[in-house]
Amino acid sequence: ADAVRPQVGGFPYLAEALRQAGVTRCRMAVPSNAMLYVTDAG
């Protein structure tokens, strides 16, 4: 995603790269700045 996404409007490119890698959901706990990626590999 870092290699292909544009500076403006880049989130959809990150999301698509994650989706293609088997990520189904992401959850962010904002105060703790902790991200959980739910993938088909765990």
PDB file of all heavy atoms in Angstrom:
ATOM      1  N   ALA A   1       0.832  -1.207   0.000  1.00  0.00           N
ATOM      2  CA  ALA A   1       0.000   0.000   0.000  1.00  0.00           C
ATOM      3  C   ALA A   1       0.864   1.253   0.000  1.00  0.00           C
ATOM      4  O   ALA A   1       0.566   2.218  -0.728  1.00  0.00           O
ATOM      5  CB  ALA A   1      -0.936  -0.003   1.201  1.00  0.00           C
ATOM      6  N   ASP A   2       1.926   1.267   0.791  1.00  0.00           N
ATOM      7  CA  ASP A   2       2.821   2.433   0.826  1.00  0.00           C
ATOM      8  C   ASP A   2       3.434   2.701  -0.543  1.00  0.00           C
ATOM      9  O   ASP A   2       3.671   3.854  -0.901  1.00  0.00           O
ATOM     10  CB  ASP A   2       3.935   2.226   1.855  1.00  0.00           C
ATOM     11  CG  ASP A   2       3.466   2.462   3.282  1.00  0.00           C
ATOM     12  OD1 ASP A   2       2.391   3.074   3.482  1.00  0.00           O
ATOM     13  OD2 ASP A   2       4.187   2.028   4.202  1.00  0.00           O
ATOM     14  N   ALA A   3       3.674   1.647  -1.299  1.00  0.00           N
ATOM     15  CA  ALA A   3       4.301   1.800  -2.613  1.00  0.00           C
ATOM     16  C   ALA A   3       3.345   2.333  -3.679  1.00  0.00           C
ATOM     17  O   ALA A   3       3.785   2.967  -4.635  1.00  0.00           O
ATOM     18  CB  ALA A   3       4.882   0.459  -3.067  1.00  0.00           C
ATOM     19  N   VAL A   4       2.042   2.067  -3.527  1.00  0.00           N
ATOM     20  CA  VAL A   4       1.110   2.420  -4.604  1.00  0.00           C
ATOM     21  C   VAL A   4       0.124   3.532  -4.263  1.00  0.00           C
ATOM     22  O   VAL A   4      -0.447   4.138  -5.159  1.00  0.00           O
ATOM     23  CB  VAL A   4       0.310   1.194  -5.090  1.00  0.00           C
ATOM     24  CG1 VAL A   4       1.232   0.114  -5.627  1.00  0.00           C
ATOM     25  CG2 VAL A   4      -0.613   0.656  -4.019  1.00  0.00           C
ATOM     26  N   ARG A   5      -0.082   3.809  -3.005  1.00  0.00           N
ATOM     27  CA  ARG A   5      -1.135   4.761  -2.665  1.00  0.00           C
ATOM     28  C   ARG A   5      -0.691   6.198  -2.880  1.00  0.00           C
ATOM     29  O   ARG A   5       0.448   6.561  -2.591  1.00  0.00           O
ATOM     30  CB  ARG A   5      -1.658   4.538  -1.266  1.00  0.00           C
ATOM     31  CG  ARG A   5      -0.782   4.952  -0.148  1.00  0.00           C
ATOM     32  CD  ARG A   5      -1.425   4.532   1.154  1.00  0.00           C
ATOM     33  NE  ARG A   5      -0.898   5.311   2.258  1.00  0.00           N
ATOM     34  CZ  ARG A   5      -1.324   5.203   3.476  1.00  0.00           C
ATOM     35  NH1 ARG A   5      -2.281   4.358   3.770  1.00  0.00           N
ATOM     36  NH2 ARG A   5      -0.810   5.931   4.416  1.00  0.00           N
ATOM     37  N   PRO A   6      -1.605   7.016  -3.381  1.00  0.00           N
ATOM     38  CA  PRO A   6      -1.283   8.422  -3.603  1.00  0.00           C
ATOM     39  C   PRO A   6      -1.287   9.205  -2.283  1.00  0.00           C
ATOM     40  O   PRO A   6      -1.855   8.751  -1.282  1.00  0.00           O
ATOM     41  CB  PRO A   6      -2.418   8.903  -4.513  1.00  0.00           C
ATOM     42  CG  PRO A   6      -3.561   7.988  -4.207  1.00  0.00           C
ATOM     43  CD  PRO A   6      -2.940   6.665  -3.860  1.00  0.00           C
ATOM     44  N   GLN A   7      -0.671  10.378  -2.295  1.00  0.00           N
ATOM     45  CA  GLN A   7      -0.626  11.248  -1.112  1.00  0.00           C
ATOM     46  C   GLN A   7      -2.024  11.712  -0.730  1.00  0.00           C
ATOM     47  O   GLN A   7      -2.355  11.819   0.441  1.00  0.00           O
ATOM     48  CB  GLN A   7       0.268  12.468  -1.407  1.00  0.00           C
ATOM     49  CG  GLN A   7       0.355  13.463  -0.272  1.00  0.00           C
ATOM     50  CD  GLN A   7       1.207  12.968   0.885  1.00  0.00           C
ATOM     51  OE1 GLN A   7       2.057  12.113   0.698  1.00  0.00           O
ATOM     52  NE2 GLN A   7       0.979  13.501   2.062  1.00  0.00           N
ATOM     53  N   VAL A   8      -2.849  11.978  -1.727  1.00  0.00           N
ATOM     54  CA  VAL A   8      -4.227  12.440  -1.502  1.00  0.00           C
ATOM     55  C   VAL A   8      -5.170  11.275  -1.784  1.00  0.00           C
ATOM     56  O   VAL A   8      -5.069  10.625  -2.821  1.00  0.00           O
ATOM     57  CB  VAL A   8      -4.548  13.645  -2.409  1.00  0.00           C
ATOM     58  CG1 VAL A   8      -6.010  14.035  -2.290  1.00  0.00           C
ATOM     59  CG2 VAL A   8      -3.643  14.824  -2.065  1.00  0.00           C
ATOM     60  N   GLY A   9      -6.074  11.005  -0.853  1.00  0.00           N
ATOM     61  CA  GLY A   9      -7.056   9.936  -1.044  1.00  0.00           C
ATOM     62  C   GLY A   9      -6.464   8.549  -0.996  1.00  0.00           C
ATOM     63  O   GLY A   9      -6.943   7.637  -1.679  1.00  0.00           O
ATOM     64  N   GLY A  10      -5.463   8.342  -0.165  1.00  0.00           N
ATOM     65  CA  GLY A  10      -4.750   7.072  -0.149  1.00  0.00           C
ATOM     66  C   GLY A  10      -5.375   5.947   0.646  1.00  0.00           C
ATOM     67  O   GLY A  10      -5.032   4.779   0.431  1.00  0.00           O
ATOM     68  N   PHE A  11      -6.304   6.240   1.556  1.00  0.00           N
ATOM     69  CA  PHE A  11      -6.840   5.173   2.402  1.00  0.00           C
ATOM     70  C   PHE A  11      -7.468   4.020   1.624  1.00  0.00           C
ATOM     71  O   PHE A  11      -7.225   2.859   1.966  1.00  0.00           O
ATOM     72  CB  PHE A  11      -7.854   5.715   3.431  1.00  0.00           C
ATOM     73  CG  PHE A  11      -8.476   4.601   4.217  1.00  0.00           C
ATOM     74  CD1 PHE A  11      -7.764   3.942   5.207  1.00  0.00           C
ATOM     75  CD2 PHE A  11      -9.761   4.158   3.927  1.00  0.00           C
ATOM     76  CE1 PHE A  11      -8.323   2.881   5.911  1.00  0.00           C
ATOM     77  CE2 PHE A  11     -10.329   3.096   4.627  1.00  0.00           C
ATOM     78  CZ  PHE A  11      -9.597   2.456   5.615  1.00  0.00           C
ATOM     79  N   PRO A  12      -8.262   4.263   0.586  1.00  0.00           N
ATOM     80  CA  PRO A  12      -8.834   3.116  -0.141  1.00  0.00           C
ATOM     81  C   PRO A  12      -7.776   2.150  -0.688  1.00  0.00           C
ATOM     82  O   PRO A  12      -8.019   0.945  -0.778  1.00  0.00           O
ATOM     83  CB  PRO A  12      -9.641   3.768  -1.270  1.00  0.00           C
ATOM     84  CG  PRO A  12     -10.011   5.109  -0.711  1.00  0.00           C
ATOM     85  CD  PRO A  12      -8.803   5.531   0.092  1.00  0.00           C
ATOM     86  N   TYR A  13      -6.583   2.645  -1.009  1.00  0.00           N
ATOM     87  CA  TYR A  13      -5.512   1.792  -1.514  1.00  0.00           C
ATOM     88  C   TYR A  13      -4.950   0.916  -0.388  1.00  0.00           C
ATOM     89  O   TYR A  13      -4.685  -0.267  -0.582  1.00  0.00           O
ATOM     90  CB  TYR A  13      -4.406   2.637  -2.144  1.00  0.00           C
ATOM     91  CG  TYR A  13      -4.883   3.337  -3.393  1.00  0.00           C
ATOM     92  CD1 TYR A  13      -5.548   4.551  -3.312  1.00  0.00           C
ATOM     93  CD2 TYR A  13      -4.700   2.759  -4.640  1.00  0.00           C
ATOM     94  CE1 TYR A  13      -6.014   5.182  -4.455  1.00  0.00           C
ATOM     95  CE2 TYR A  13      -5.158   3.377  -5.789  1.00  0.00           C
ATOM     96  CZ  TYR A  13      -5.823   4.591  -5.684  1.00  0.00           C
ATOM     97  OH  TYR A  13      -6.288   5.202  -6.818  1.00  0.00           O
ATOM     98  N   LEU A  14      -4.793   1.509   0.794  1.00  0.00           N
ATOM     99  CA  LEU A  14      -4.378   0.717   1.941  1.00  0.00           C
ATOM    100  C   LEU A  14      -5.424  -0.350   2.249  1.00  0.00           C
ATOM    101  O   LEU A  14      -5.091  -1.521   2.443  1.00  0.00           O
ATOM    102  CB  LEU A  14      -4.174   1.622   3.167  1.00  0.00           C
ATOM    103  CG  LEU A  14      -3.948   0.898   4.501  1.00  0.00           C
ATOM    104  CD1 LEU A  14      -2.706   0.019   4.454  1.00  0.00           C
ATOM    105  CD2 LEU A  14      -3.887   1.904   5.636  1.00  0.00           C
ATOM    106  N   ALA A  15      -6.683   0.055   2.273  1.00  0.00           N
ATOM    107  CA  ALA A  15      -7.763  -0.883   2.578  1.00  0.00           C
ATOM    108  C   ALA A  15      -7.802  -2.033   1.569  1.00  0.00           C
ATOM    109  O   ALA A  15      -7.979  -3.195   1.949  1.00  0.00           O
ATOM    110  CB  ALA A  15      -9.104  -0.153   2.621  1.00  0.00           C
ATOM    111  N   GLU A  16      -7.608  -1.726   0.297  1.00  0.00           N
ATOM    112  CA  GLU A  16      -7.642  -2.781  -0.719  1.00  0.00           C
ATOM    113  C   GLU A  16      -6.445  -3.728  -0.576  1.00  0.00           C
ATOM    114  O   GLU A  16      -6.589  -4.948  -0.719  1.00  0.00           O
ATOM    115  CB  GLU A  16      -7.692  -2.185  -2.124  1.00  0.00           C
ATOM    116  CG  GLU A  16      -7.758  -3.214  -3.242  1.00  0.00           C
ATOM    117  CD  GLU A  16      -8.970  -4.155  -3.173  1.00  0.00           C
ATOM    118  OE1 GLU A  16      -9.967  -3.870  -2.466  1.00  0.00           O
ATOM    119  OE2 GLU A  16      -8.921  -5.209  -3.839  1.00  0.00           O
ATOM    120  N   ALA A  17      -5.269  -3.188  -0.277  1.00  0.00           N
ATOM    121  CA  ALA A  17      -4.098  -4.039  -0.066  1.00  0.00           C
ATOM    122  C   ALA A  17      -4.326  -4.957   1.134  1.00  0.00           C
ATOM    123  O   ALA A  17      -3.994  -6.150   1.087  1.00  0.00           O
ATOM    124  CB  ALA A  17      -2.851  -3.190   0.137  1.00  0.00           C
ATOM    125  N   LEU A  18      -4.917  -4.433   2.186  1.00  0.00           N
ATOM    126  CA  LEU A  18      -5.227  -5.251   3.357  1.00  0.00           C
ATOM    127  C   LEU A  18      -6.254  -6.328   3.008  1.00  0.00           C
ATOM    128  O   LEU A  18      -6.089  -7.493   3.384  1.00  0.00           O
ATOM    129  CB  LEU A  18      -5.738  -4.377   4.504  1.00  0.00           C
ATOM    130  CG  LEU A  18      -4.737  -3.410   5.118  1.00  0.00           C
ATOM    131  CD1 LEU A  18      -5.438  -2.479   6.098  1.00  0.00           C
ATOM    132  CD2 LEU A  18      -3.585  -4.143   5.791  1.00  0.00           C
ATOM    133  N   ARG A  19      -7.303  -5.925   2.284  1.00  0.00           N
ATOM    134  CA  ARG A  19      -8.352  -6.887   1.901  1.00  0.00           C
ATOM    135  C   ARG A  19      -7.765  -8.017   1.073  1.00  0.00           C
ATOM    136  O   ARG A  19      -8.047  -9.193   1.319  1.00  0.00           O
ATOM    137  CB  ARG A  19      -9.468  -6.175   1.127  1.00  0.00           C
ATOM    138  CG  ARG A  19     -10.700  -7.065   0.887  1.00  0.00           C
ATOM    139  CD  ARG A  19     -11.657  -6.434  -0.099  1.00  0.00           C
ATOM    140  NE  ARG A  19     -11.094  -6.376  -1.443  1.00  0.00           N
ATOM    141  CZ  ARG A  19     -10.964  -7.427  -2.267  1.00  0.00           C
ATOM    142  NH1 ARG A  19     -11.367  -8.629  -1.881  1.00  0.00           N
ATOM    143  NH2 ARG A  19     -10.429  -7.294  -3.457  1.00  0.00           N
ATOM    144  N   GLN A  20      -6.916  -7.684   0.102  1.00  0.00           N
ATOM    145  CA  GLN A  20      -6.310  -8.705  -0.747  1.00  0.00           C
ATOM    146  C   GLN A  20      -5.376  -9.626   0.037  1.00  0.00           C
ATOM    147  O   GLN A  20      -5.146 -10.762  -0.367  1.00  0.00           O
ATOM    148  CB  GLN A  20      -5.566  -8.060  -1.915  1.00  0.00           C
ATOM    149  CG  GLN A  20      -6.499  -7.455  -2.943  1.00  0.00           C
ATOM    150  CD  GLN A  20      -5.758  -6.815  -4.108  1.00  0.00           C
ATOM    151  OE1 GLN A  20      -4.544  -6.926  -4.246  1.00  0.00           O
ATOM    152  NE2 GLN A  20      -6.515  -6.138  -4.969  1.00  0.00           N
ATOM    153  N   ALA A  21      -4.868  -9.146   1.168  1.00  0.00           N
ATOM    154  CA  ALA A  21      -3.979  -9.960   2.011  1.00  0.00           C
ATOM    155  C   ALA A  21      -4.755 -10.801   3.024  1.00  0.00           C
ATOM    156  O   ALA A  21      -4.154 -11.491   3.842  1.00  0.00           O
ATOM    157  CB  ALA A  21      -2.990  -9.055   2.737  1.00  0.00           C
ATOM    158  N   GLY A  22      -6.094 -10.739   2.982  1.00  0.00           N
ATOM    159  CA  GLY A  22      -6.901 -11.570   3.860  1.00  0.00           C
ATOM    160  C   GLY A  22      -7.410 -10.889   5.118  1.00  0.00           C
ATOM    161  O   GLY A  22      -7.961 -11.547   5.995  1.00  0.00           O
ATOM    162  N   VAL A  23      -7.238  -9.569   5.217  1.00  0.00           N
ATOM    163  CA  VAL A  23      -7.784  -8.837   6.361  1.00  0.00           C
ATOM    164  C   VAL A  23      -9.274  -8.618   6.092  1.00  0.00           C
ATOM    165  O   VAL A  23      -9.652  -8.170   5.008  1.00  0.00           O
ATOM    166  CB  VAL A  23      -7.060  -7.492   6.573  1.00  0.00           C
ATOM    167  CG1 VAL A  23      -7.688  -6.712   7.719  1.00  0.00           C
ATOM    168  CG2 VAL A  23      -5.573  -7.723   6.826  1.00  0.00           C
ATOM    169  N   THR A  24     -10.111  -8.930   7.075  1.00  0.00           N
ATOM    170  CA  THR A  24     -11.554  -8.740   6.909  1.00  0.00           C
ATOM    171  C   THR A  24     -12.066  -7.524   7.662  1.00  0.00           C
ATOM    172  O   THR A  24     -12.997  -6.865   7.214  1.00  0.00           O
ATOM    173  CB  THR A  24     -12.334  -9.982   7.387  1.00  0.00           C
ATOM    174  OG1 THR A  24     -12.014 -10.245   8.755  1.00  0.00           O
ATOM    175  CG2 THR A  24     -12.009 -11.196   6.517  1.00  0.00           C
ATOM    176  N   ARG A  25     -11.454  -7.246   8.810  1.00  0.00           N
ATOM    177  CA  ARG A  25     -11.878  -6.106   9.642  1.00  0.00           C
ATOM    178  C   ARG A  25     -10.663  -5.530  10.351  1.00  0.00           C
ATOM    179  O   ARG A  25      -9.704  -6.245  10.651  1.00  0.00           O
ATOM    180  CB  ARG A  25     -12.869  -6.536  10.724  1.00  0.00           C
ATOM    181  CG  ARG A  25     -14.188  -7.013  10.234  1.00  0.00           C
ATOM    182  CD  ARG A  25     -15.181  -7.309  11.373  1.00  0.00           C
ATOM    183  NE  ARG A  25     -14.672  -8.003  12.540  1.00  0.00           N
ATOM    184  CZ  ARG A  25     -14.559  -9.315  12.671  1.00  0.00           C
ATOM    185  NH1 ARG A  25     -14.896 -10.106  11.674  1.00  0.00           N
ATOM    186  NH2 ARG A  25     -14.121  -9.866  13.786  1.00  0.00           N
ATOM    187  N   CYS A  26     -10.759  -4.246  10.655  1.00  0.00           N
ATOM    188  CA  CYS A  26      -9.765  -3.570  11.491  1.00  0.00           C
ATOM    189  C   CYS A  26     -10.537  -2.810  12.553  1.00  0.00           C
ATOM    190  O   CYS A  26     -11.586  -2.237  12.267  1.00  0.00           O
ATOM    191  CB  CYS A  26      -8.950  -2.553  10.701  1.00  0.00           C
ATOM    192  SG  CYS A  26      -8.226  -3.138   9.183  1.00  0.00           S
ATOM    193  N   ARG A  27      -9.989  -2.797  13.755  1.00  0.00           N
ATOM    194  CA  ARG A  27     -10.607  -2.027  14.845  1.00  0.00           C
ATOM    195  C   ARG A  27      -9.526  -1.213  15.535  1.00  0.00           C
ATOM    196  O   ARG A  27      -8.466  -1.750  15.853  1.00  0.00           O
ATOM    197  CB  ARG A  27     -11.250  -2.963  15.861  1.00  0.00           C
ATOM    198  CG  ARG A  27     -12.417  -3.740  15.320  1.00  0.00           C
ATOM    199  CD  ARG A  27     -13.052  -4.556  16.440  1.00  0.00           C
ATOM    200  NE  ARG A  27     -13.979  -5.499  15.857  1.00  0.00           N
ATOM    201  CZ  ARG A  27     -14.117  -6.744  16.263  1.00  0.00           C
ATOM    202  NH1 ARG A  27     -13.409  -7.196  17.277  1.00  0.00           N
ATOM    203  NH2 ARG A  27     -14.984  -7.545  15.692  1.00  0.00           N
ATOM    204  N   MET A  28      -9.835   0.050  15.775  1.00  0.00           N
ATOM    205  CA  MET A  28      -8.900   0.945  16.450  1.00  0.00           C
ATOM    206  C   MET A  28      -9.493   1.377  17.781  1.00  0.00           C
ATOM    207  O   MET A  28     -10.633   1.857  17.821  1.00  0.00           O
ATOM    208  CB  MET A  28      -8.627   2.169  15.590  1.00  0.00           C
ATOM    209  CG  MET A  28      -7.955   3.337  16.307  1.00  0.00           C
ATOM    210  SD  MET A  28      -6.288   3.021  16.892  1.00  0.00           S
ATOM    211  CE  MET A  28      -5.342   3.590  15.508  1.00  0.00           C
ATOM    212  N   ALA A  29      -8.743   1.206  18.855  1.00  0.00           N
ATOM    213  CA  ALA A  29      -9.082   1.781  20.158  1.00  0.00           C
ATOM    214  C   ALA A  29      -8.316   3.095  20.228  1.00  0.00           C
ATOM    215  O   ALA A  29      -7.099   3.098  20.428  1.00  0.00           O
ATOM    216  CB  ALA A  29      -8.694   0.837  21.284  1.00  0.00           C
ATOM    217  N   VAL A  30      -9.005   4.199  20.011  1.00  0.00           N
ATOM    218  CA  VAL A  30      -8.341   5.483  19.819  1.00  0.00           C
ATOM    219  C   VAL A  30      -7.511   5.932  21.016  1.00  0.00           C
ATOM    220  O   VAL A  30      -6.339   6.276  20.843  1.00  0.00           O
ATOM    221  CB  VAL A  30      -9.354   6.556  19.352  1.00  0.00           C
ATOM    222  CG1 VAL A  30      -8.714   7.940  19.323  1.00  0.00           C
ATOM    223  CG2 VAL A  30      -9.901   6.197  17.969  1.00  0.00           C
ATOM    224  N   PRO A  31      -8.040   5.965  22.253  1.00  0.00           N
ATOM    225  CA  PRO A  31      -7.211   6.476  23.348  1.00  0.00           C
ATOM    226  C   PRO A  31      -5.898   5.707  23.539  1.00  0.00           C
ATOM    227  O   PRO A  31      -4.867   6.292  23.836  1.00  0.00           O
ATOM    228  CB  PRO A  31      -8.093   6.332  24.587  1.00  0.00           C
ATOM    229  CG  PRO A  31      -9.471   6.162  24.078  1.00  0.00           C
ATOM    230  CD  PRO A  31      -9.370   5.588  22.704  1.00  0.00           C
ATOM    231  N   SER A  32      -5.942   4.399  23.337  1.00  0.00           N
ATOM    232  CA  SER A  32      -4.727   3.596  23.494  1.00  0.00           C
ATOM    233  C   SER A  32      -3.919   3.501  22.203  1.00  0.00           C
ATOM    234  O   SER A  32      -2.785   3.023  22.215  1.00  0.00           O
ATOM    235  CB  SER A  32      -5.074   2.189  23.977  1.00  0.00           C
ATOM    236  OG  SER A  32      -5.856   1.520  23.009  1.00  0.00           O
ATOM    237  N   ASN A  33      -4.506   3.940  21.088  1.00  0.00           N
ATOM    238  CA  ASN A  33      -3.847   3.892  19.778  1.00  0.00           C
ATOM    239  C   ASN A  33      -3.429   2.459  19.448  1.00  0.00           C
ATOM    240  O   ASN A  33      -2.326   2.206  18.987  1.00  0.00           O
ATOM    241  CB  ASN A  33      -2.652   4.846  19.733  1.00  0.00           C
ATOM    242  CG  ASN A  33      -2.208   5.163  18.322  1.00  0.00           C
ATOM    243  OD1 ASN A  33      -2.905   4.895  17.354  1.00  0.00           O
ATOM    244  ND2 ASN A  33      -1.033   5.752  18.195  1.00  0.00           N
ATOM    245  N   ALA A  34      -4.343   1.534  19.703  1.00  0.00           N
ATOM    246  CA  ALA A  34      -4.094   0.117  19.426  1.00  0.00           C
ATOM    247  C   ALA A  34      -5.015  -0.339  18.296  1.00  0.00           C
ATOM    248  O   ALA A  34      -6.217  -0.101  18.334  1.00  0.00           O
ATOM    249  CB  ALA A  34      -4.344  -0.721  20.672  1.00  0.00           C
ATOM    250  N   MET A  35      -4.434  -0.981  17.298  1.00  0.00           N
ATOM    251  CA  MET A  35      -5.189  -1.465  16.147  1.00  0.00           C
ATOM    252  C   MET A  35      -5.229  -2.985  16.183  1.00  0.00           C
ATOM    253  O   MET A  35      -4.214  -3.639  16.467  1.00  0.00           O
ATOM    254  CB  MET A  35      -4.526  -1.004  14.853  1.00  0.00           C
ATOM    255  CG  MET A  35      -5.272  -1.381  13.600  1.00  0.00           C
ATOM    256  SD  MET A  35      -6.806  -0.467  13.336  1.00  0.00           S
ATOM    257  CE  MET A  35      -6.173   1.032  12.647  1.00  0.00           C
ATOM    258  N   LEU A  36      -6.405  -3.539  15.904  1.00  0.00           N
ATOM    259  CA  LEU A  36      -6.575  -4.981  15.782  1.00  0.00           C
ATOM    260  C   LEU A  36      -6.957  -5.272  14.341  1.00  0.00           C
ATOM    261  O   LEU A  36      -7.937  -4.721  13.829  1.00  0.00           O
ATOM    262  CB  LEU A  36      -7.675  -5.487  16.720  1.00  0.00           C
ATOM    263  CG  LEU A  36      -8.059  -6.962  16.552  1.00  0.00           C
ATOM    264  CD1 LEU A  36      -6.900  -7.863  16.997  1.00  0.00           C
ATOM    265  CD2 LEU A  36      -9.322  -7.276  17.324  1.00  0.00           C
ATOM    266  N   TYR A  37      -6.179  -6.113  13.687  1.00  0.00           N
ATOM    267  CA  TYR A  37      -6.475  -6.550  12.324  1.00  0.00           C
ATOM    268  C   TYR A  37      -6.977  -7.985  12.411  1.00  0.00           C
ATOM    269  O   TYR A  37      -6.261  -8.863  12.905  1.00  0.00           O
ATOM    270  CB  TYR A  37      -5.218  -6.500  11.449  1.00  0.00           C
ATOM    271  CG  TYR A  37      -4.679  -5.106  11.259  1.00  0.00           C
ATOM    272  CD1 TYR A  37      -3.729  -4.585  12.131  1.00  0.00           C
ATOM    273  CD2 TYR A  37      -5.122  -4.312  10.211  1.00  0.00           C
ATOM    274  CE1 TYR A  37      -3.229  -3.307  11.952  1.00  0.00           C
ATOM    275  CE2 TYR A  37      -4.626  -3.033  10.032  1.00  0.00           C
ATOM    276  CZ  TYR A  37      -3.679  -2.542  10.909  1.00  0.00           C
ATOM    277  OH  TYR A  37      -3.198  -1.275  10.731  1.00  0.00           O
ATOM    278  N   VAL A  38      -8.173  -8.239  11.927  1.00  0.00           N
ATOM    279  CA  VAL A  38      -8.732  -9.583  11.898  1.00  0.00           C
ATOM    280  C   VAL A  38      -8.481 -10.121  10.500  1.00  0.00           C
ATOM    281  O   VAL A  38      -8.991  -9.579   9.510  1.00  0.00           O
ATOM    282  CB  VAL A  38     -10.235  -9.570  12.241  1.00  0.00           C
ATOM    283  CG1 VAL A  38     -10.811 -10.977  12.179  1.00  0.00           C
ATOM    284  CG2 VAL A  38     -10.462  -8.941  13.612  1.00  0.00           C
ATOM    285  N   THR A  39      -7.682 -11.197  10.418  1.00  0.00           N
ATOM    286  CA  THR A  39      -7.299 -11.752   9.122  1.00  0.00           C
ATOM    287  C   THR A  39      -7.721 -13.208   9.036  1.00  0.00           C
ATOM    288  O   THR A  39      -7.994 -13.850  10.059  1.00  0.00           O
ATOM    289  CB  THR A  39      -5.766 -11.670   8.903  1.00  0.00           C
ATOM    290  OG1 THR A  39      -5.131 -12.756   9.570  1.00  0.00           O
ATOM    291  CG2 THR A  39      -5.185 -10.353   9.402  1.00  0.00           C
ATOM    292  N   ASP A  40      -7.727 -13.725   7.826  1.00  0.00           N
ATOM    293  CA  ASP A  40      -8.074 -15.142   7.663  1.00  0.00           C
ATOM    294  C   ASP A  40      -6.960 -16.057   8.166  1.00  0.00           C
ATOM    295  O   ASP A  40      -7.145 -17.264   8.272  1.00  0.00           O
ATOM    296  CB  ASP A  40      -8.470 -15.462   6.222  1.00  0.00           C
ATOM    297  CG  ASP A  40      -7.400 -15.128   5.196  1.00  0.00           C
ATOM    298  OD1 ASP A  40      -6.244 -14.831   5.570  1.00  0.00           O
ATOM    299  OD2 ASP A  40      -7.723 -15.146   3.999  1.00  0.00           O
ATOM    300  N   ALA A  41      -5.805 -15.489   8.523  1.00  0.00           N
ATOM    301  CA  ALA A  41      -4.708 -16.271   9.093  1.00  0.00           C
ATOM    302  C   ALA A  41      -4.587 -16.047  10.607  1.00  0.00           C
ATOM    303  O   ALA A  41      -3.656 -16.542  11.225  1.00  0.00           O
ATOM    304  CB  ALA A  41      -3.394 -15.902   8.412  1.00  0.00           C
ATOM    305  N   GLY A  42      -5.528 -15.287  11.183  1.00  0.00           N
ATOM    306  CA  GLY A  42      -5.514 -15.015  12.617  1.00  0.00           C
ATOM    307  C   GLY A  42      -5.452 -13.522  12.888  1.00  0.00           C
ATOM    308  O   GLY A  42      -5.050 -12.742  12.033  1.00  0.00           O
TER     309      GLY A  42
END
